[in-house]
PDB file of N, CA and C in Angstrom:
ATOM      1  N   MET A   1      -3.996 -15.670  99.360  1.00  0.00           N
ATOM      2  CA  MET A   1      -5.266 -16.257  99.046  1.00  0.00           C
ATOM      3  C   MET A   1      -5.987 -15.450  97.956  1.00  0.00           C
ATOM      4  N   GLN A   2      -6.262 -15.959  96.807  1.00  0.00           N
ATOM      5  CA  GLN A   2      -7.045 -15.548  95.649  1.00  0.00           C
ATOM      6  C   GLN A   2      -8.626 -15.896  95.913  1.00  0.00           C
ATOM      7  N   LEU A   3      -9.307 -14.880  95.808  1.00  0.00           N
ATOM      8  CA  LEU A   3     -10.659 -14.848  95.787  1.00  0.00           C
ATOM      9  C   LEU A   3     -11.324 -15.086  94.621  1.00  0.00           C
ATOM     10  N   LYS A   4     -12.167 -16.123  94.468  1.00  0.00           N
ATOM     11  CA  LYS A   4     -12.913 -16.119  92.957  1.00  0.00           C
ATOM     12  C   LYS A   4     -14.223 -15.341  93.057  1.00  0.00           C
ATOM     13  N   GLN A   5     -14.493 -14.451  92.137  1.00  0.00           N
ATOM     14  CA  GLN A   5     -15.730 -13.757  92.045  1.00  0.00           C
ATOM     15  C   GLN A   5     -16.976 -14.685  91.696  1.00  0.00           C
ATOM     16  N   GLY A   6     -18.098 -14.557  92.151  1.00  0.00           N
ATOM     17  CA  GLY A   6     -19.139 -15.271  91.878  1.00  0.00           C
ATOM     18  C   GLY A   6     -20.032 -14.689  90.682  1.00  0.00           C
ATOM     19  N   THR A   7     -20.945 -15.566  90.242  1.00  0.00           N
ATOM     20  CA  THR A   7     -21.336 -15.162  89.117  1.00  0.00           C
ATOM     21  C   THR A   7     -23.102 -14.547  89.352  1.00  0.00           C
ATOM     22  N   PHE A   8     -23.407 -14.562  90.615  1.00  0.00           N
ATOM     23  CA  PHE A   8     -24.690 -14.255  91.064  1.00  0.00           C
ATOM     24  C   PHE A   8     -25.081 -12.621  90.557  1.00  0.00           C
ATOM     25  N   CYS A   9     -26.095 -12.407  89.880  1.00  0.00           N
ATOM     26  CA  CYS A   9     -26.264 -11.039  89.707  1.00  0.00           C
ATOM     27  C   CYS A   9     -27.713 -10.571  90.556  1.00  0.00           C
ATOM     28  N   PRO A  10     -27.313  -9.631  91.455  1.00  0.00           N
ATOM     29  CA  PRO A  10     -28.284  -9.015  92.348  1.00  0.00           C
ATOM     30  C   PRO A  10     -29.596  -8.522  91.524  1.00  0.00           C
ATOM     31  N   LEU A  11     -29.227  -7.955  90.234  1.00  0.00           N
ATOM     32  CA  LEU A  11     -30.348  -7.226  89.553  1.00  0.00           C
ATOM     33  C   LEU A  11     -31.548  -7.982  89.046  1.00  0.00           C
ATOM     34  N   ILE A  12     -31.033  -9.224  88.617  1.00  0.00           N
ATOM     35  CA  ILE A  12     -32.006 -10.323  87.894  1.00  0.00           C
ATOM     36  C   ILE A  12     -32.180 -11.304  88.951  1.00  0.00           C
ATOM     37  N   LYS A  13     -31.304 -11.586  90.045  1.00  0.00           N
ATOM     38  CA  LYS A  13     -31.616 -12.422  91.051  1.00  0.00           C
ATOM     39  C   LYS A  13     -31.332 -13.727  90.476  1.00  0.00           C
ATOM     40  N   LYS A  14     -30.297 -14.118  89.529  1.00  0.00           N
ATOM     41  CA  LYS A  14     -29.928 -15.298  89.008  1.00  0.00           C
ATOM     42  C   LYS A  14     -28.422 -15.046  88.610  1.00  0.00           C
ATOM     43  N   ASP A  15     -28.087 -16.186  88.018  1.00  0.00           N
ATOM     44  CA  ASP A  15     -26.517 -16.048  87.458  1.00  0.00           C
ATOM     45  C   ASP A  15     -26.450 -15.122  86.427  1.00  0.00           C
ATOM     46  N   CYS A  16     -25.226 -14.563  86.288  1.00  0.00           N
ATOM     47  CA  CYS A  16     -25.022 -13.420  85.245  1.00  0.00           C
ATOM     48  C   CYS A  16     -25.323 -14.204  83.765  1.00  0.00           C
ATOM     49  N   ILE A  17     -25.844 -13.103  82.987  1.00  0.00           N
ATOM     50  CA  ILE A  17     -26.282 -13.742  81.707  1.00  0.00           C
ATOM     51  C   ILE A  17     -25.156 -13.113  80.826  1.00  0.00           C
ATOM     52  N   GLN A  18     -24.117 -12.686  81.153  1.00  0.00           N
ATOM     53  CA  GLN A  18     -23.079 -11.842  80.550  1.00  0.00           C
ATOM     54  C   GLN A  18     -23.727 -10.971  79.327  1.00  0.00           C
ATOM     55  N   THR A  19     -23.290 -11.625  78.228  1.00  0.00           N
ATOM     56  CA  THR A  19     -23.440 -10.751  76.812  1.00  0.00           C
ATOM     57  C   THR A  19     -24.760 -10.472  76.576  1.00  0.00           C
ATOM     58  N   GLN A  20     -25.584 -11.201  77.133  1.00  0.00           N
ATOM     59  CA  GLN A  20     -27.169 -10.917  76.918  1.00  0.00           C
ATOM     60  C   GLN A  20     -27.549  -9.525  77.705  1.00  0.00           C
ATOM     61  N   CYS A  21     -26.783  -9.052  78.723  1.00  0.00           N
ATOM     62  CA  CYS A  21     -27.125  -7.989  79.405  1.00  0.00           C
ATOM     63  C   CYS A  21     -26.387  -6.759  78.849  1.00  0.00           C
ATOM     64  N   SER A  22     -27.226  -5.713  78.793  1.00  0.00           N
ATOM     65  CA  SER A  22     -26.755  -4.445  78.270  1.00  0.00           C
ATOM     66  C   SER A  22     -25.523  -3.739  79.302  1.00  0.00           C
ATOM     67  N   TRP A  23     -25.451  -4.263  80.354  1.00  0.00           N
ATOM     68  CA  TRP A  23     -24.546  -3.631  81.336  1.00  0.00           C
ATOM     69  C   TRP A  23     -23.272  -4.532  81.290  1.00  0.00           C
ATOM     70  N   PHE A  24     -23.231  -5.574  80.435  1.00  0.00           N
ATOM     71  CA  PHE A  24     -21.922  -6.268  80.327  1.00  0.00           C
ATOM     72  C   PHE A  24     -20.960  -5.700  79.333  1.00  0.00           C
ATOM     73  N   THR A  25     -20.056  -4.893  79.550  1.00  0.00           N
ATOM     74  CA  THR A  25     -19.313  -4.031  78.904  1.00  0.00           C
ATOM     75  C   THR A  25     -17.688  -4.376  78.822  1.00  0.00           C
ATOM     76  N   GLN A  26     -17.319  -4.012  77.833  1.00  0.00           N
ATOM     77  CA  GLN A  26     -15.637  -4.180  77.684  1.00  0.00           C
ATOM     78  C   GLN A  26     -14.852  -2.908  78.218  1.00  0.00           C
ATOM     79  N   LEU A  27     -14.165  -3.375  79.207  1.00  0.00           N
ATOM     80  CA  LEU A  27     -13.403  -2.432  80.104  1.00  0.00           C
ATOM     81  C   LEU A  27     -11.950  -2.673  79.658  1.00  0.00           C
ATOM     82  N   ARG A  28     -11.415  -1.496  79.165  1.00  0.00           N
ATOM     83  CA  ARG A  28     -10.072  -1.199  78.688  1.00  0.00           C
ATOM     84  C   ARG A  28      -9.266  -0.105  79.603  1.00  0.00           C
ATOM     85  N   GLY A  29      -7.882  -0.545  80.065  1.00  0.00           N
ATOM     86  CA  GLY A  29      -7.322   0.497  80.642  1.00  0.00           C
ATOM     87  C   GLY A  29      -6.296  -0.089  81.710  1.00  0.00           C
ATOM     88  N   THR A  30      -6.074   0.728  82.577  1.00  0.00           N
ATOM     89  CA  THR A  30      -4.921   0.195  83.699  1.00  0.00           C
ATOM     90  C   THR A  30      -5.729   0.002  85.053  1.00  0.00           C
ATOM     91  N   ASN A  31      -5.571  -1.006  85.733  1.00  0.00           N
ATOM     92  CA  ASN A  31      -6.118  -1.157  86.902  1.00  0.00           C
ATOM     93  C   ASN A  31      -5.374  -0.203  87.883  1.00  0.00           C
ATOM     94  N   PRO A  32      -6.200   0.750  88.693  1.00  0.00           N
ATOM     95  CA  PRO A  32      -5.509   1.628  89.485  1.00  0.00           C
ATOM     96  C   PRO A  32      -4.913   0.928  90.838  1.00  0.00           C
ATOM     97  N   GLN A  33      -5.303   0.029  91.060  1.00  0.00           N
ATOM     98  CA  GLN A  33      -4.698  -0.794  92.180  1.00  0.00           C
ATOM     99  C   GLN A  33      -3.343  -1.466  91.977  1.00  0.00           C
ATOM    100  N   THR A  34      -3.334  -2.319  90.838  1.00  0.00           N
ATOM    101  CA  THR A  34      -2.377  -2.967  90.556  1.00  0.00           C
ATOM    102  C   THR A  34      -1.278  -2.549  89.556  1.00  0.00           C
ATOM    103  N   GLY A  35      -1.807  -1.593  88.565  1.00  0.00           N
ATOM    104  CA  GLY A  35      -1.050  -1.043  87.572  1.00  0.00           C
ATOM    105  C   GLY A  35      -1.039  -1.914  86.179  1.00  0.00           C
ATOM    106  N   GLN A  36      -1.680  -3.176  86.383  1.00  0.00           N
ATOM    107  CA  GLN A  36      -1.848  -3.965  85.243  1.00  0.00           C
ATOM    108  C   GLN A  36      -2.736  -3.537  84.303  1.00  0.00           C
ATOM    109  N   GLU A  37      -2.510  -3.806  82.914  1.00  0.00           N
ATOM    110  CA  GLU A  37      -3.294  -3.555  81.690  1.00  0.00           C
ATOM    111  C   GLU A  37      -4.647  -4.338  81.765  1.00  0.00           C
ATOM    112  N   ILE A  38      -5.948  -3.938  81.586  1.00  0.00           N
ATOM    113  CA  ILE A  38      -6.955  -4.433  81.537  1.00  0.00           C
ATOM    114  C   ILE A  38      -7.739  -4.302  80.071  1.00  0.00           C
ATOM    115  N   ASP A  39      -8.006  -5.669  79.580  1.00  0.00           N
ATOM    116  CA  ASP A  39      -8.899  -5.528  78.337  1.00  0.00           C
ATOM    117  C   ASP A  39      -9.728  -6.926  78.582  1.00  0.00           C
ATOM    118  N   GLU A  40     -10.909  -6.717  79.217  1.00  0.00           N
ATOM    119  CA  GLU A  40     -11.870  -7.622  79.570  1.00  0.00           C
ATOM    120  C   GLU A  40     -13.201  -7.186  79.479  1.00  0.00           C
ATOM    121  N   TRP A  41     -14.135  -8.214  79.372  1.00  0.00           N
ATOM    122  CA  TRP A  41     -15.688  -8.127  79.453  1.00  0.00           C
ATOM    123  C   TRP A  41     -15.983  -8.215  81.004  1.00  0.00           C
ATOM    124  N   MET A  42     -16.867  -7.214  81.360  1.00  0.00           N
ATOM    125  CA  MET A  42     -17.327  -7.522  82.759  1.00  0.00           C
ATOM    126  C   MET A  42     -18.581  -6.725  82.998  1.00  0.00           C
ATOM    127  N   CYS A  43     -19.223  -7.084  84.098  1.00  0.00           N
ATOM    128  CA  CYS A  43     -20.401  -6.282  84.437  1.00  0.00           C
ATOM    129  C   CYS A  43     -20.028  -4.882  84.779  1.00  0.00           C
ATOM    130  N   ALA A  44     -20.700  -3.888  84.358  1.00  0.00           N
ATOM    131  CA  ALA A  44     -20.465  -2.491  84.626  1.00  0.00           C
ATOM    132  C   ALA A  44     -20.620  -2.176  86.133  1.00  0.00           C
ATOM    133  N   VAL A  45     -21.734  -2.696  86.611  1.00  0.00           N
ATOM    134  CA  VAL A  45     -21.869  -2.581  88.137  1.00  0.00           C
ATOM    135  C   VAL A  45     -20.791  -3.106  88.984  1.00  0.00           C
ATOM    136  N   ALA A  46     -20.271  -4.229  88.590  1.00  0.00           N
ATOM    137  CA  ALA A  46     -19.258  -5.050  89.372  1.00  0.00           C
ATOM    138  C   ALA A  46     -17.917  -4.210  89.213  1.00  0.00           C
ATOM    139  N   SER A  47     -17.726  -3.338  88.176  1.00  0.00           N
ATOM    140  CA  SER A  47     -16.483  -2.825  87.804  1.00  0.00           C
ATOM    141  C   SER A  47     -16.532  -1.131  88.416  1.00  0.00           C
ATOM    142  N   LEU A  48     -17.835  -0.897  89.168  1.00  0.00           N
ATOM    143  CA  LEU A  48     -17.753   0.313  89.916  1.00  0.00           C
ATOM    144  C   LEU A  48     -16.786   0.715  90.712  1.00  0.00           C
ATOM    145  N   PRO A  49     -16.409  -0.227  91.662  1.00  0.00           N
ATOM    146  CA  PRO A  49     -15.551   0.223  92.741  1.00  0.00           C
ATOM    147  C   PRO A  49     -14.108   0.505  92.227  1.00  0.00           C
ATOM    148  N   MET A  50     -13.784  -0.169  91.000  1.00  0.00           N
ATOM    149  CA  MET A  50     -12.420   0.096  90.549  1.00  0.00           C
ATOM    150  C   MET A  50     -12.595   1.358  89.773  1.00  0.00           C
ATOM    151  N   LEU A  51     -13.548   1.716  88.974  1.00  0.00           N
ATOM    152  CA  LEU A  51     -13.766   2.948  88.505  1.00  0.00           C
ATOM    153  C   LEU A  51     -13.802   4.142  89.466  1.00  0.00           C
ATOM    154  N   GLN A  52     -14.227   3.982  90.577  1.00  0.00           N
ATOM    155  CA  GLN A  52     -14.598   5.056  91.616  1.00  0.00           C
ATOM    156  C   GLN A  52     -13.063   5.174  92.245  1.00  0.00           C
ATOM    157  N   ILE A  53     -12.161   4.233  92.319  1.00  0.00           N
ATOM    158  CA  ILE A  53     -10.775   4.492  92.801  1.00  0.00           C
ATOM    159  C   ILE A  53     -10.110   5.156  91.756  1.00  0.00           C
ATOM    160  N   GLU A  54     -10.175   5.079  90.469  1.00  0.00           N
ATOM    161  CA  GLU A  54      -9.510   5.758  89.258  1.00  0.00           C
ATOM    162  C   GLU A  54      -9.944   7.180  89.412  1.00  0.00           C
ATOM    163  N   VAL A  55     -11.386   7.408  89.523  1.00  0.00           N
ATOM    164  CA  VAL A  55     -11.767   8.764  89.570  1.00  0.00           C
ATOM    165  C   VAL A  55     -11.433   9.475  90.601  1.00  0.00           C
ATOM    166  N   ALA A  56     -11.080   9.042  91.891  1.00  0.00           N
ATOM    167  CA  ALA A  56     -10.594   9.545  92.909  1.00  0.00           C
ATOM    168  C   ALA A  56      -9.228   9.996  92.932  1.00  0.00           C
ATOM    169  N   LYS A  57      -8.485   9.215  92.105  1.00  0.00           N
ATOM    170  CA  LYS A  57      -7.043   9.280  91.751  1.00  0.00           C
ATOM    171  C   LYS A  57      -6.741  10.432  90.905  1.00  0.00           C
ATOM    172  N   GLN A  58      -7.759  10.612  89.851  1.00  0.00           N
ATOM    173  CA  GLN A  58      -7.783  11.743  89.078  1.00  0.00           C
ATOM    174  C   GLN A  58      -8.148  12.906  89.644  1.00  0.00           C
ATOM    175  N   ALA A  59      -8.891  12.797  90.544  1.00  0.00           N
ATOM    176  CA  ALA A  59      -9.440  14.164  91.434  1.00  0.00           C
ATOM    177  C   ALA A  59      -8.411  14.697  92.099  1.00  0.00           C
ATOM    178  N   ARG A  60      -7.605  13.742  92.804  1.00  0.00           N
ATOM    179  CA  ARG A  60      -6.424  14.258  93.648  1.00  0.00           C
ATOM    180  C   ARG A  60      -5.276  14.770  92.602  1.00  0.00           C
ATOM    181  N   SER A  61      -5.297  14.192  91.550  1.00  0.00           N
ATOM    182  CA  SER A  61      -4.082  14.579  90.734  1.00  0.00           C
ATOM    183  C   SER A  61      -4.464  16.072  89.986  1.00  0.00           C
ATOM    184  N   GLY A  62      -5.793  16.288  89.731  1.00  0.00           N
ATOM    185  CA  GLY A  62      -6.257  17.527  89.218  1.00  0.00           C
ATOM    186  C   GLY A  62      -6.111  18.596  90.434  1.00  0.00           C
ATOM    187  N   ALA A  63      -6.630  18.163  91.562  1.00  0.00           N
ATOM    188  CA  ALA A  63      -6.270  19.237  92.686  1.00  0.00           C
ATOM    189  C   ALA A  63      -4.989  19.635  92.848  1.00  0.00           C
ATOM    190  N   ALA A  64      -4.023  18.625  92.895  1.00  0.00           N
ATOM    191  CA  ALA A  64      -2.681  19.039  92.981  1.00  0.00           C
ATOM    192  C   ALA A  64      -2.142  20.031  91.916  1.00  0.00           C
ATOM    193  N   ALA A  65      -2.660  19.624  90.657  1.00  0.00           N
ATOM    194  CA  ALA A  65      -2.113  20.517  89.611  1.00  0.00           C
ATOM    195  C   ALA A  65      -2.766  21.845  89.569  1.00  0.00           C
ATOM    196  N   THR A  66      -4.052  22.028  90.044  1.00  0.00           N
ATOM    197  CA  THR A  66      -4.607  23.344  90.514  1.00  0.00           C
ATOM    198  C   THR A  66      -3.927  24.233  91.388  1.00  0.00           C
ATOM    199  N   GLU A  67      -3.459  23.264  92.678  1.00  0.00           N
ATOM    200  CA  GLU A  67      -2.948  24.039  93.713  1.00  0.00           C
ATOM    201  C   GLU A  67      -1.328  24.573  93.290  1.00  0.00           C
ATOM    202  N   SER A  68      -0.779  23.766  92.445  1.00  0.00           N
ATOM    203  CA  SER A  68       0.391  24.049  91.671  1.00  0.00           C
ATOM    204  C   SER A  68       0.299  25.417  90.922  1.00  0.00           C
ATOM    205  N   PHE A  69      -0.701  25.257  90.099  1.00  0.00           N
ATOM    206  CA  PHE A  69      -0.728  26.586  89.175  1.00  0.00           C
ATOM    207  C   PHE A  69      -1.217  27.737  89.948  1.00  0.00           C
ATOM    208  N   ARG A  70      -2.018  27.683  91.070  1.00  0.00           N
ATOM    209  CA  ARG A  70      -2.433  28.741  91.762  1.00  0.00           C
ATOM    210  C   ARG A  70      -1.254  29.402  92.580  1.00  0.00           C
ATOM    211  N   ASN A  71      -0.429  28.515  92.940  1.00  0.00           N
ATOM    212  CA  ASN A  71       0.809  28.910  93.682  1.00  0.00           C
ATOM    213  C   ASN A  71       1.720  29.673  92.859  1.00  0.00           C
ATOM    214  N   GLU A  72       1.878  29.184  91.552  1.00  0.00           N
ATOM    215  CA  GLU A  72       2.656  29.877  90.488  1.00  0.00           C
ATOM    216  C   GLU A  72       2.163  31.382  90.231  1.00  0.00           C
ATOM    217  N   MET A  73       0.588  31.377  89.921  1.00  0.00           N
ATOM    218  CA  MET A  73       0.074  32.643  89.616  1.00  0.00           C
ATOM    219  C   MET A  73       0.420  33.599  90.996  1.00  0.00           C
ATOM    220  N   VAL A  74       0.354  33.057  92.193  1.00  0.00           N
ATOM    221  CA  VAL A  74       0.529  33.984  93.306  1.00  0.00           C
ATOM    222  C   VAL A  74       1.829  34.637  93.492  1.00  0.00           C
ATOM    223  N   LYS A  75       2.903  33.760  92.869  1.00  0.00           N
ATOM    224  CA  LYS A  75       4.259  34.280  92.885  1.00  0.00           C
ATOM    225  C   LYS A  75       4.173  35.363  91.794  1.00  0.00           C
ATOM    226  N   MET A  76       3.936  34.811  90.787  1.00  0.00           N
ATOM    227  CA  MET A  76       4.035  35.965  89.553  1.00  0.00           C
ATOM    228  C   MET A  76       3.234  37.275  90.148  1.00  0.00           C
ATOM    229  N   ARG A  77       2.082  37.549  90.793  1.00  0.00           N
ATOM    230  CA  ARG A  77       1.336  38.395  91.129  1.00  0.00           C
ATOM    231  C   ARG A  77       1.808  39.294  92.247  1.00  0.00           C
ATOM    232  N   VAL A  78       2.496  38.635  93.298  1.00  0.00           N
ATOM    233  CA  VAL A  78       2.938  39.079  94.656  1.00  0.00           C
ATOM    234  C   VAL A  78       4.288  40.130  94.108  1.00  0.00           C
ATOM    235  N   THR A  79       5.028  39.759  93.385  1.00  0.00           N
ATOM    236  CA  THR A  79       6.339  40.489  93.143  1.00  0.00           C
ATOM    237  C   THR A  79       6.016  41.833  92.340  1.00  0.00           C
ATOM    238  N   PRO A  80       5.125  41.808  91.366  1.00  0.00           N
ATOM    239  CA  PRO A  80       4.799  43.144  90.791  1.00  0.00           C
ATOM    240  C   PRO A  80       4.020  43.960  91.566  1.00  0.00           C
ATOM    241  N   ILE A  81       3.103  43.433  92.633  1.00  0.00           N
ATOM    242  CA  ILE A  81       2.508  44.382  93.547  1.00  0.00           C
ATOM    243  C   ILE A  81       3.425  45.186  94.514  1.00  0.00           C
ATOM    244  N   THR A  82       4.225  44.133  94.858  1.00  0.00           N
ATOM    245  CA  THR A  82       5.349  44.736  95.917  1.00  0.00           C
ATOM    246  C   THR A  82       6.122  45.882  95.338  1.00  0.00           C
ATOM    247  N   ASP A  83       6.725  45.534  94.018  1.00  0.00           N
ATOM    248  CA  ASP A  83       7.287  46.590  93.263  1.00  0.00           C
ATOM    249  C   ASP A  83       6.578  47.776  93.223  1.00  0.00           C
ATOM    250  N   GLN A  84       5.407  47.640  92.886  1.00  0.00           N
ATOM    251  CA  GLN A  84       4.512  48.895  92.613  1.00  0.00           C
ATOM    252  C   GLN A  84       4.441  49.792  94.002  1.00  0.00           C
ATOM    253  N   LEU A  85       4.201  49.107  95.012  1.00  0.00           N
ATOM    254  CA  LEU A  85       3.966  49.513  96.359  1.00  0.00           C
ATOM    255  C   LEU A  85       5.364  50.335  96.668  1.00  0.00           C
ATOM    256  N   ASP A  86       6.329  49.624  96.433  1.00  0.00           N
ATOM    257  CA  ASP A  86       7.722  50.374  96.864  1.00  0.00           C
ATOM    258  C   ASP A  86       7.911  51.589  95.933  1.00  0.00           C
ATOM    259  N   GLN A  87       7.500  51.663  94.749  1.00  0.00           N
ATOM    260  CA  GLN A  87       7.706  52.668  93.775  1.00  0.00           C
ATOM    261  C   GLN A  87       6.638  53.860  94.311  1.00  0.00           C
ATOM    262  N   LEU A  88       5.490  53.326  94.691  1.00  0.00           N
ATOM    263  CA  LEU A  88       4.449  54.287  95.169  1.00  0.00           C
ATOM    264  C   LEU A  88       4.925  55.062  96.474  1.00  0.00           C
ATOM    265  N   ILE A  89       5.540  54.357  97.414  1.00  0.00           N
ATOM    266  CA  ILE A  89       5.984  54.880  98.615  1.00  0.00           C
ATOM    267  C   ILE A  89       7.189  55.851  98.375  1.00  0.00           C
ATOM    268  N   ALA A  90       8.095  55.445  97.629  1.00  0.00           N
ATOM    269  CA  ALA A  90       9.283  56.290  97.352  1.00  0.00           C
ATOM    270  C   ALA A  90       8.785  57.634  96.315  1.00  0.00           C
ATOM    271  N   SER A  91       8.002  57.430  95.605  1.00  0.00           N
ATOM    272  CA  SER A  91       7.518  58.680  94.917  1.00  0.00           C
ATOM    273  C   SER A  91       6.795  59.484  95.872  1.00  0.00           C
ATOM    274  N   SER A  92       5.939  59.115  96.736  1.00  0.00           N
ATOM    275  CA  SER A  92       5.192  59.760  97.734  1.00  0.00           C
ATOM    276  C   SER A  92       6.065  60.546  98.707  1.00  0.00           C
ATOM    277  N   ARG A  93       7.117  59.692  99.094  1.00  0.00           N
ATOM    278  CA  ARG A  93       8.283  60.345 100.041  1.00  0.00           C
ATOM    279  C   ARG A  93       8.870  61.591  99.423  1.00  0.00           C
ATOM    280  N   GLU A  94       9.231  61.249  97.969  1.00  0.00           N
ATOM    281  CA  GLU A  94       9.881  62.363  97.281  1.00  0.00           C
ATOM    282  C   GLU A  94       8.948  63.564  97.166  1.00  0.00           C
ATOM    283  N   THR A  95       7.524  63.479  96.972  1.00  0.00           N
ATOM    284  CA  THR A  95       6.664  64.504  96.919  1.00  0.00           C
ATOM    285  C   THR A  95       6.448  65.193  98.269  1.00  0.00           C
ATOM    286  N   GLU A  96       6.619  64.636  99.213  1.00  0.00           N
ATOM    287  CA  GLU A  96       6.450  65.255 100.583  1.00  0.00           C
ATOM    288  C   GLU A  96       7.683  65.996 100.877  1.00  0.00           C
ATOM    289  N   ILE A  97       8.940  65.419 100.587  1.00  0.00           N
ATOM    290  CA  ILE A  97      10.127  66.247 100.611  1.00  0.00           C
ATOM    291  C   ILE A  97      10.163  67.476  99.891  1.00  0.00           C
ATOM    292  N   LYS A  98       9.836  67.580  98.800  1.00  0.00           N
ATOM    293  CA  LYS A  98       9.647  68.739  97.832  1.00  0.00           C
ATOM    294  C   LYS A  98       8.728  69.624  98.579  1.00  0.00           C
ATOM    295  N   LYS A  99       7.566  69.357  98.891  1.00  0.00           N
ATOM    296  CA  LYS A  99       6.607  70.116  99.645  1.00  0.00           C
ATOM    297  C   LYS A  99       7.362  70.719 100.790  1.00  0.00           C
ATOM    298  N   LEU A 100       7.959  69.938 101.718  1.00  0.00           N
ATOM    299  CA  LEU A 100       8.540  70.573 102.698  1.00  0.00           C
ATOM    300  C   LEU A 100       9.608  71.577 102.341  1.00  0.00           C
ATOM    301  N   GLN A 101      10.509  71.381 101.376  1.00  0.00           N
ATOM    302  CA  GLN A 101      11.396  72.068 100.934  1.00  0.00           C
ATOM    303  C   GLN A 101      10.878  73.449 100.343  1.00  0.00           C
ATOM    304  N   ASN A 102       9.894  73.394  99.679  1.00  0.00           N
ATOM    305  CA  ASN A 102       9.136  74.367  99.141  1.00  0.00           C
ATOM    306  C   ASN A 102       8.687  75.406 100.245  1.00  0.00           C
ATOM    307  N   ASN A 103       8.056  74.830 101.279  1.00  0.00           N
ATOM    308  CA  ASN A 103       7.524  75.656 102.222  1.00  0.00           C
ATOM    309  C   ASN A 103       8.509  76.431 103.190  1.00  0.00           C
ATOM    310  N   SER A 104       9.816  75.750 103.236  1.00  0.00           N
ATOM    311  CA  SER A 104      10.878  76.437 103.955  1.00  0.00           C
ATOM    312  C   SER A 104      11.594  77.582 103.603  1.00  0.00           C
TER     313      SER A 104
END
């Protein structure tokens, strides 16, 4: 069942005056719920729910990209630190062995 949107404007408390209203704007893009292209004039207030869905979608996408980038940076950083620690432990052991040999 397709619902038809009404034309009552709660801001002016009468029918929409369309192009005479400064909030009646052209919206172009893709509907985030259906994926269909949009190129139509509509009330900015009435289009807010659709725009909020798109903003939430973009925020999730940005958060996922940030997390992926963080994980890659952690991988790159952990390996050099581990290698440096191994080298430090090895050189420390060598130094201790030399000291013990010199004391004997």
